[in-house]
C-alpha atoms as a PDB file:
ATOM      1  CA  MET A   1     146.394 112.607  29.547  1.00  0.00           C
ATOM      2  CA  LYS A   2     145.582 114.342  32.832  1.00  0.00           C
ATOM      3  CA  TYR A   3     142.277 114.411  34.664  1.00  0.00           C
ATOM      4  CA  LEU A   4     141.287 117.165  37.041  1.00  0.00           C
ATOM      5  CA  LEU A   5     139.307 117.189  40.260  1.00  0.00           C
ATOM      6  CA  TYR A   6     138.549 120.527  41.854  1.00  0.00           C
ATOM      7  CA  ALA A   7     137.216 120.859  45.382  1.00  0.00           C
ATOM      8  CA  ILE A   8     136.616 123.856  47.603  1.00  0.00           C
ATOM      9  CA  ILE A   9     135.088 124.005  51.071  1.00  0.00           C
ATOM     10  CA  PHE A  10     133.986 127.120  52.944  1.00  0.00           C
ATOM     11  CA  VAL A  11     133.350 127.049  56.686  1.00  0.00           C
ATOM     12  CA  PHE A  12     131.946 130.156  58.364  1.00  0.00           C
ATOM     13  CA  PHE A  13     131.772 129.987  62.131  1.00  0.00           C
ATOM     14  CA  PRO A  14     128.372 130.936  63.599  1.00  0.00           C
ATOM     15  CA  GLY A  15     129.813 133.089  66.379  1.00  0.00           C
ATOM     16  CA  PHE A  16     131.006 135.658  63.868  1.00  0.00           C
ATOM     17  CA  LEU A  17     128.139 135.739  61.405  1.00  0.00           C
ATOM     18  CA  GLY A  18     126.851 138.836  63.171  1.00  0.00           C
ATOM     19  CA  ALA A  19     130.018 140.744  62.299  1.00  0.00           C
ATOM     20  CA  GLN A  20     128.130 143.049  59.956  1.00  0.00           C
ATOM     21  CA  SER A  21     126.463 146.055  61.531  1.00  0.00           C
ATOM     22  CA  SER A  22     123.180 144.763  62.922  1.00  0.00           C
ATOM     23  CA  ILE A  23     119.938 146.459  61.966  1.00  0.00           C
ATOM     24  CA  ASP A  24     119.090 146.426  65.678  1.00  0.00           C
ATOM     25  CA  SER A  25     121.627 149.228  66.190  1.00  0.00           C
ATOM     26  CA  LEU A  26     120.226 151.519  63.488  1.00  0.00           C
ATOM     27  CA  PRO A  27     118.177 153.690  65.919  1.00  0.00           C
ATOM     28  CA  GLN A  28     121.249 154.198  68.132  1.00  0.00           C
ATOM     29  CA  LEU A  29     123.394 157.280  67.669  1.00  0.00           C
ATOM     30  CA  HIS A  30     127.105 156.601  67.090  1.00  0.00           C
ATOM     31  CA  ASP A  31     130.026 158.973  67.409  1.00  0.00           C
ATOM     32  CA  TYR A  32     132.000 158.449  64.186  1.00  0.00           C
ATOM     33  CA  GLU A  33     132.471 159.792  60.680  1.00  0.00           C
ATOM     34  CA  SER A  34     131.591 157.621  57.676  1.00  0.00           C
ATOM     35  CA  GLN A  35     134.369 157.551  55.096  1.00  0.00           C
ATOM     36  CA  ARG A  36     135.034 155.941  51.722  1.00  0.00           C
ATOM     37  CA  ALA A  37     138.251 155.236  49.832  1.00  0.00           C
ATOM     38  CA  SER A  38     137.705 154.447  46.169  1.00  0.00           C
ATOM     39  CA  SER A  39     139.096 154.492  42.653  1.00  0.00           C
ATOM     40  CA  TYR A  40     137.087 157.605  41.728  1.00  0.00           C
ATOM     41  CA  ASP A  41     138.490 159.971  39.123  1.00  0.00           C
ATOM     42  CA  ARG A  42     140.434 162.641  41.039  1.00  0.00           C
ATOM     43  CA  SER A  43     140.031 165.024  38.115  1.00  0.00           C
ATOM     44  CA  GLY A  44     136.234 164.914  38.358  1.00  0.00           C
ATOM     45  CA  GLY A  45     135.841 162.883  35.171  1.00  0.00           C
ATOM     46  CA  ASN A  46     134.481 159.398  34.635  1.00  0.00           C
ATOM     47  CA  ALA A  47     137.758 157.456  34.616  1.00  0.00           C
ATOM     48  CA  ASP A  48     136.966 155.914  38.003  1.00  0.00           C
ATOM     49  CA  TYR A  49     139.402 153.015  37.718  1.00  0.00           C
ATOM     50  CA  ARG A  50     143.127 152.286  37.759  1.00  0.00           C
ATOM     51  CA  SER A  51     145.468 150.079  35.744  1.00  0.00           C
ATOM     52  CA  LEU A  52     148.056 147.681  37.134  1.00  0.00           C
ATOM     53  CA  LYS A  53     151.109 146.887  35.047  1.00  0.00           C
ATOM     54  CA  PRO A  54     153.006 143.622  35.657  1.00  0.00           C
ATOM     55  CA  GLY A  55     154.957 143.920  38.897  1.00  0.00           C
ATOM     56  CA  GLU A  56     153.199 147.144  39.923  1.00  0.00           C
ATOM     57  CA  THR A  57     151.850 147.705  43.451  1.00  0.00           C
ATOM     58  CA  LEU A  58     148.903 150.018  44.018  1.00  0.00           C
ATOM     59  CA  ALA A  59     147.732 151.366  47.390  1.00  0.00           C
ATOM     60  CA  ILE A  60     143.933 151.202  47.463  1.00  0.00           C
ATOM     61  CA  PHE A  61     143.636 152.282  51.109  1.00  0.00           C
ATOM     62  CA  ASP A  62     146.046 154.550  53.004  1.00  0.00           C
ATOM     63  CA  GLU A  63     144.333 156.316  55.887  1.00  0.00           C
ATOM     64  CA  ASP A  64     145.097 157.536  59.398  1.00  0.00           C
ATOM     65  CA  GLY A  65     143.199 156.116  62.339  1.00  0.00           C
ATOM     66  CA  PRO A  66     141.593 155.379  64.545  1.00  0.00           C
ATOM     67  CA  GLY A  67     139.306 153.643  62.104  1.00  0.00           C
ATOM     68  CA  GLU A  68     137.495 150.465  61.173  1.00  0.00           C
ATOM     69  CA  ILE A  69     136.915 149.118  57.682  1.00  0.00           C
ATOM     70  CA  ARG A  70     133.350 147.819  57.349  1.00  0.00           C
ATOM     71  CA  HIS A  71     133.052 146.807  53.689  1.00  0.00           C
ATOM     72  CA  ILE A  72     135.398 146.181  50.759  1.00  0.00           C
ATOM     73  CA  TRP A  73     134.096 145.975  47.199  1.00  0.00           C
ATOM     74  CA  THR A  74     136.434 145.431  44.268  1.00  0.00           C
ATOM     75  CA  THR A  75     136.304 144.025  40.766  1.00  0.00           C
ATOM     76  CA  LEU A  76     138.663 143.158  37.924  1.00  0.00           C
ATOM     77  CA  PRO A  77     137.742 143.214  34.228  1.00  0.00           C
ATOM     78  CA  PRO A  78     136.718 139.896  32.628  1.00  0.00           C
ATOM     79  CA  TRP A  79     139.313 140.306  29.871  1.00  0.00           C
ATOM     80  CA  SER A  80     142.203 140.150  32.374  1.00  0.00           C
ATOM     81  CA  GLU A  81     144.904 137.486  32.211  1.00  0.00           C
ATOM     82  CA  ALA A  82     143.761 133.896  32.761  1.00  0.00           C
ATOM     83  CA  TYR A  83     143.673 132.996  36.456  1.00  0.00           C
ATOM     84  CA  HIS A  84     144.307 136.596  37.435  1.00  0.00           C
ATOM     85  CA  LEU A  85     142.594 135.866  40.750  1.00  0.00           C
ATOM     86  CA  LYS A  86     145.721 133.883  41.640  1.00  0.00           C
ATOM     87  CA  LYS A  87     148.135 136.493  40.276  1.00  0.00           C
ATOM     88  CA  VAL A  88     146.928 139.624  42.061  1.00  0.00           C
ATOM     89  CA  VAL A  89     148.118 139.675  45.685  1.00  0.00           C
ATOM     90  CA  LEU A  90     146.227 141.532  48.410  1.00  0.00           C
ATOM     91  CA  ARG A  91     148.156 142.830  51.446  1.00  0.00           C
ATOM     92  CA  MET A  92     146.986 144.742  54.523  1.00  0.00           C
ATOM     93  CA  TYR A  93     149.112 146.573  57.087  1.00  0.00           C
ATOM     94  CA  TRP A  94     147.921 147.895  60.428  1.00  0.00           C
ATOM     95  CA  ASP A  95     149.551 150.681  62.460  1.00  0.00           C
ATOM     96  CA  GLY A  96     152.794 150.968  60.518  1.00  0.00           C
ATOM     97  CA  GLU A  97     153.840 147.312  60.679  1.00  0.00           C
ATOM     98  CA  ALA A  98     156.582 146.217  58.262  1.00  0.00           C
ATOM     99  CA  GLN A  99     155.097 142.780  57.579  1.00  0.00           C
ATOM    100  CA  PRO A 100     151.480 142.516  56.376  1.00  0.00           C
ATOM    101  CA  SER A 101     148.788 141.132  58.645  1.00  0.00           C
ATOM    102  CA  VAL A 102     146.959 139.985  55.492  1.00  0.00           C
ATOM    103  CA  GLU A 103     148.733 138.477  52.488  1.00  0.00           C
ATOM    104  CA  ALA A 104     146.821 136.308  50.031  1.00  0.00           C
ATOM    105  CA  PRO A 105     145.873 136.040  46.362  1.00  0.00           C
ATOM    106  CA  ILE A 106     142.856 138.262  45.886  1.00  0.00           C
ATOM    107  CA  GLY A 107     140.704 135.349  44.734  1.00  0.00           C
ATOM    108  CA  ASP A 108     141.512 133.218  47.783  1.00  0.00           C
ATOM    109  CA  PHE A 109     140.808 136.133  50.105  1.00  0.00           C
ATOM    110  CA  PHE A 110     137.298 136.485  48.689  1.00  0.00           C
ATOM    111  CA  GLY A 111     136.657 132.718  48.747  1.00  0.00           C
ATOM    112  CA  LEU A 112     137.539 131.960  45.110  1.00  0.00           C
ATOM    113  CA  GLY A 113     140.338 129.476  45.642  1.00  0.00           C
ATOM    114  CA  LEU A 114     139.932 127.817  42.265  1.00  0.00           C
ATOM    115  CA  GLY A 115     141.101 130.913  40.405  1.00  0.00           C
ATOM    116  CA  THR A 116     137.757 131.268  38.616  1.00  0.00           C
ATOM    117  CA  TYR A 117     134.545 133.114  39.467  1.00  0.00           C
ATOM    118  CA  THR A 118     131.657 131.480  41.323  1.00  0.00           C
ATOM    119  CA  THR A 119     128.698 133.469  42.619  1.00  0.00           C
ATOM    120  CA  PHE A 120     127.921 132.866  46.304  1.00  0.00           C
ATOM    121  CA  GLN A 121     126.494 134.721  49.284  1.00  0.00           C
ATOM    122  CA  SER A 122     127.426 134.571  52.966  1.00  0.00           C
ATOM    123  CA  ALA A 123     127.373 136.929  55.935  1.00  0.00           C
ATOM    124  CA  LEU A 124     131.043 137.854  55.676  1.00  0.00           C
ATOM    125  CA  LEU A 125     132.008 137.240  52.036  1.00  0.00           C
ATOM    126  CA  ALA A 126     130.039 137.482  48.831  1.00  0.00           C
ATOM    127  CA  VAL A 127     130.686 137.287  45.104  1.00  0.00           C
ATOM    128  CA  ALA A 128     127.593 138.789  43.537  1.00  0.00           C
ATOM    129  CA  PRO A 129     126.783 139.639  40.918  1.00  0.00           C
ATOM    130  CA  ASP A 130     129.292 137.887  38.678  1.00  0.00           C
ATOM    131  CA  GLN A 131     132.702 139.436  39.425  1.00  0.00           C
ATOM    132  CA  ALA A 132     131.841 141.780  42.300  1.00  0.00           C
ATOM    133  CA  LEU A 133     134.041 140.768  45.259  1.00  0.00           C
ATOM    134  CA  ASN A 134     132.711 141.785  48.688  1.00  0.00           C
ATOM    135  CA  SER A 135     134.091 141.486  52.217  1.00  0.00           C
ATOM    136  CA  TYR A 136     132.211 142.491  55.380  1.00  0.00           C
ATOM    137  CA  PHE A 137     134.864 141.570  57.942  1.00  0.00           C
ATOM    138  CA  PRO A 138     135.367 144.415  60.433  1.00  0.00           C
ATOM    139  CA  MET A 139     139.003 145.545  60.277  1.00  0.00           C
ATOM    140  CA  PRO A 140     139.942 148.051  62.993  1.00  0.00           C
ATOM    141  CA  PHE A 141     143.226 149.938  63.207  1.00  0.00           C
ATOM    142  CA  GLY A 142     144.534 152.384  65.756  1.00  0.00           C
ATOM    143  CA  LYS A 143     147.016 154.677  64.014  1.00  0.00           C
ATOM    144  CA  HIS A 144     147.064 153.811  60.324  1.00  0.00           C
ATOM    145  CA  GLY A 145     145.644 151.333  57.827  1.00  0.00           C
ATOM    146  CA  ARG A 146     147.138 150.501  54.454  1.00  0.00           C
ATOM    147  CA  ILE A 147     145.920 148.046  51.781  1.00  0.00           C
ATOM    148  CA  THR A 148     147.800 147.277  48.571  1.00  0.00           C
ATOM    149  CA  VAL A 149     147.292 145.089  45.512  1.00  0.00           C
ATOM    150  CA  THR A 150     150.201 143.800  43.430  1.00  0.00           C
ATOM    151  CA  ASN A 151     149.981 142.442  39.901  1.00  0.00           C
ATOM    152  CA  GLU A 152     152.286 139.414  39.881  1.00  0.00           C
ATOM    153  CA  GLY A 153     151.038 138.294  36.467  1.00  0.00           C
ATOM    154  CA  SER A 154     152.581 138.884  33.064  1.00  0.00           C
ATOM    155  CA  LYS A 155     149.880 141.154  31.592  1.00  0.00           C
ATOM    156  CA  GLU A 156     148.516 144.568  32.500  1.00  0.00           C
ATOM    157  CA  ILE A 157     145.222 144.668  34.384  1.00  0.00           C
ATOM    158  CA  THR A 158     143.053 147.519  33.183  1.00  0.00           C
ATOM    159  CA  ASP A 159     139.840 148.940  34.626  1.00  0.00           C
ATOM    160  CA  TYR A 160     140.498 147.931  38.236  1.00  0.00           C
ATOM    161  CA  TYR A 161     137.813 149.340  40.571  1.00  0.00           C
ATOM    162  CA  TRP A 162     137.361 149.459  44.337  1.00  0.00           C
ATOM    163  CA  ASN A 163     135.246 151.017  47.098  1.00  0.00           C
ATOM    164  CA  ILE A 164     136.263 150.670  50.742  1.00  0.00           C
ATOM    165  CA  ASP A 165     133.732 151.874  53.327  1.00  0.00           C
ATOM    166  CA  TRP A 166     135.113 152.671  56.757  1.00  0.00           C
ATOM    167  CA  ILE A 167     134.355 154.678  59.849  1.00  0.00           C
ATOM    168  CA  LYS A 168     136.528 157.048  61.878  1.00  0.00           C
ATOM    169  CA  PRO A 169     135.531 157.041  65.563  1.00  0.00           C
ATOM    170  CA  ALA A 170     137.004 159.230  68.286  1.00  0.00           C
ATOM    171  CA  SER A 171     138.728 156.158  69.744  1.00  0.00           C
ATOM    172  CA  LEU A 172     138.714 152.366  69.647  1.00  0.00           C
ATOM    173  CA  ASP A 173     137.833 149.950  72.413  1.00  0.00           C
ATOM    174  CA  PRO A 174     141.099 149.011  74.209  1.00  0.00           C
ATOM    175  CA  GLY A 175     140.277 145.320  73.789  1.00  0.00           C
ATOM    176  CA  VAL A 176     139.627 145.470  70.037  1.00  0.00           C
ATOM    177  CA  ALA A 177     141.318 142.804  67.914  1.00  0.00           C
ATOM    178  CA  TYR A 178     143.260 143.224  64.674  1.00  0.00           C
ATOM    179  CA  PHE A 179     142.239 141.325  61.569  1.00  0.00           C
ATOM    180  CA  HIS A 180     144.689 138.771  60.124  1.00  0.00           C
ATOM    181  CA  ALA A 181     144.482 136.422  57.139  1.00  0.00           C
ATOM    182  CA  GLN A 182     146.938 133.645  56.365  1.00  0.00           C
ATOM    183  CA  TYR A 183     147.445 131.871  53.042  1.00  0.00           C
ATOM    184  CA  ARG A 184     149.220 128.513  52.931  1.00  0.00           C
ATOM    185  CA  GLN A 185     150.054 126.347  49.926  1.00  0.00           C
ATOM    186  CA  CYS A 186     151.918 123.136  49.298  1.00  0.00           C
ATOM    187  CA  ALA A 187     152.826 121.910  45.830  1.00  0.00           C
ATOM    188  CA  PRO A 188     153.315 119.097  45.344  1.00  0.00           C
ATOM    189  CA  CYS A 189     151.694 117.355  48.289  1.00  0.00           C
ATOM    190  CA  GLN A 190     150.953 113.683  48.788  1.00  0.00           C
ATOM    191  CA  GLY A 191     148.248 113.453  46.142  1.00  0.00           C
ATOM    192  CA  TRP A 192     145.682 110.844  45.220  1.00  0.00           C
ATOM    193  CA  TYR A 193     146.823 108.086  42.812  1.00  0.00           C
ATOM    194  CA  ARG A 194     150.339 108.985  41.707  1.00  0.00           C
ATOM    195  CA  GLY A 195     149.172 112.518  41.144  1.00  0.00           C
ATOM    196  CA  ILE A 196     150.138 116.003  42.190  1.00  0.00           C
ATOM    197  CA  SER A 197     147.996 117.766  44.765  1.00  0.00           C
ATOM    198  CA  THR A 198     147.969 121.407  45.732  1.00  0.00           C
ATOM    199  CA  ALA A 199     146.121 122.079  48.978  1.00  0.00           C
ATOM    200  CA  MET A 200     145.411 125.633  50.063  1.00  0.00           C
ATOM    201  CA  ILE A 201     144.166 126.526  53.519  1.00  0.00           C
ATOM    202  CA  PHE A 202     143.005 130.080  54.098  1.00  0.00           C
ATOM    203  CA  ARG A 203     142.211 131.271  57.625  1.00  0.00           C
ATOM    204  CA  LYS A 204     141.137 134.632  58.905  1.00  0.00           C
ATOM    205  CA  LEU A 205     142.282 135.250  62.470  1.00  0.00           C
ATOM    206  CA  ALA A 206     141.479 138.017  64.907  1.00  0.00           C
ATOM    207  CA  LYS A 207     144.471 138.328  67.224  1.00  0.00           C
ATOM    208  CA  THR A 208     143.674 138.802  70.910  1.00  0.00           C
ATOM    209  CA  ARG A 209     145.739 138.852  74.058  1.00  0.00           C
ATOM    210  CA  ALA A 210     144.423 135.418  74.917  1.00  0.00           C
ATOM    211  CA  GLY A 211     145.399 134.006  71.532  1.00  0.00           C
ATOM    212  CA  SER A 212     143.387 134.083  68.337  1.00  0.00           C
ATOM    213  CA  THR A 213     139.824 133.553  67.198  1.00  0.00           C
ATOM    214  CA  ASN A 214     139.127 131.607  64.027  1.00  0.00           C
ATOM    215  CA  LEU A 215     136.603 133.537  61.939  1.00  0.00           C
ATOM    216  CA  ALA A 216     136.441 131.568  58.699  1.00  0.00           C
ATOM    217  CA  LYS A 217     138.293 128.986  56.688  1.00  0.00           C
ATOM    218  CA  ALA A 218     138.335 127.997  53.042  1.00  0.00           C
ATOM    219  CA  ILE A 219     140.126 124.902  51.787  1.00  0.00           C
ATOM    220  CA  THR A 220     140.808 124.417  48.093  1.00  0.00           C
ATOM    221  CA  SER A 221     142.498 121.405  46.541  1.00  0.00           C
ATOM    222  CA  PHE A 222     143.584 120.691  42.992  1.00  0.00           C
ATOM    223  CA  LEU A 223     144.147 117.024  42.179  1.00  0.00           C
ATOM    224  CA  ARG A 224     145.846 116.061  38.932  1.00  0.00           C
ATOM    225  CA  PRO A 225     146.169 112.274  38.871  1.00  0.00           C
ATOM    226  CA  LEU A 226     148.363 110.762  36.193  1.00  0.00           C
ATOM    227  CA  ALA A 227     146.288 108.599  33.883  1.00  0.00           C
ATOM    228  CA  THR A 228     146.365 106.609  30.687  1.00  0.00           C
ATOM    229  CA  ASP A 229     144.359 107.020  27.510  1.00  0.00           C
ATOM    230  CA  ASN A 230     142.185 104.105  28.624  1.00  0.00           C
ATOM    231  CA  TRP A 231     140.683 106.146  31.456  1.00  0.00           C
ATOM    232  CA  PRO A 232     137.276 107.831  30.955  1.00  0.00           C
ATOM    233  CA  VAL A 233     137.335 111.598  30.764  1.00  0.00           C
ATOM    234  CA  TRP A 234     135.687 113.401  33.675  1.00  0.00           C
ATOM    235  CA  LEU A 235     135.715 116.814  35.275  1.00  0.00           C
ATOM    236  CA  SER A 236     134.014 117.607  38.565  1.00  0.00           C
ATOM    237  CA  ARG A 237     133.810 120.565  40.889  1.00  0.00           C
ATOM    238  CA  PHE A 238     132.573 120.513  44.474  1.00  0.00           C
ATOM    239  CA  SER A 239     131.802 123.192  47.026  1.00  0.00           C
ATOM    240  CA  ARG A 240     129.941 123.208  50.314  1.00  0.00           C
ATOM    241  CA  THR A 241     129.083 126.063  52.643  1.00  0.00           C
ATOM    242  CA  SER A 242     127.939 126.039  56.252  1.00  0.00           C
ATOM    243  CA  GLY A 243     125.528 128.660  57.522  1.00  0.00           C
ATOM    244  CA  ALA A 244     124.731 130.037  60.931  1.00  0.00           C
ATOM    245  CA  ASP A 245     121.849 127.604  61.397  1.00  0.00           C
ATOM    246  CA  GLY A 246     124.013 124.610  60.549  1.00  0.00           C
ATOM    247  CA  THR A 247     122.448 124.058  57.133  1.00  0.00           C
ATOM    248  CA  LYS A 248     124.720 123.043  54.281  1.00  0.00           C
ATOM    249  CA  ALA A 249     124.283 123.897  50.627  1.00  0.00           C
ATOM    250  CA  MET A 250     125.988 122.248  47.671  1.00  0.00           C
ATOM    251  CA  ARG A 251     127.349 124.225  44.708  1.00  0.00           C
END
C-alpha cells in the first residue's frame, strides 16, 4: 500500500507584483497598437478552438515585433486525458532563438504543479474560474515572438482555446529584459521514509545584463512513502501563497 503527500508552495516577490499595467497610467497616452492572437474560427464560424493529437505541436502565437505580451488566457477541456496539465508542454521563443526561453508543462507554468486544477488568484498568475489559466507576466520581444504547445500525452486534446493580448509599440526600451521560465525535476530524489520523492522547482527569470531577476517561484513535491497494511490511510494537500503585503494564506 502506498500513501501520498502532496505539497505545493508559491512565492511571488513583492517587487514585481506591479507588473500588470497600473491603473495610474490609464489617463496617459501611449504609442502602441493593441493586438490579440487567439483560437478564433478563421472561417467566421463558431469553431473557435483547436485540437491537439498526440505528439502534435501547435503554434498559438507567431508574431513579428517589436511587441510585448501582456496577458495569456488558455483552457483545456475537462474531459482531457488524466493529468494532461503535465503532458502538454508550453514553449516560448524570442527573436528567432533555436532553444526556447520558456519550456515547462503547461500546468506548472500556471502554478498547478500537482497536475490537477486549484482555483487561486495572484497579481501575476491566476486560475479562475475553474480551468481558466491566466498569466500577466510582461513578455517583450524585439523581432519576433513564438509560443507553441505540444501534446506529449497519449490521447487527443479537443476544444483547446487561447487568447493572447499583446501590444506593438514603435520600439522597445534598450534596457528591456526578456522573460525566461525554467522547469526542473528530479525523480527519484532522496525521499522521506524509504519513499520516492519528486521535487519540482519552477522559476521565472528576467534576464538582464547584470544577471537575472527572480520574479516568482513555485515548488511542488510528491512524496510516496512505502508503507505496510498496518499504517493508517491518509491523504493531505498543502499550499501557501505570499502576497505583496507579506500576508500568507493557506489552501
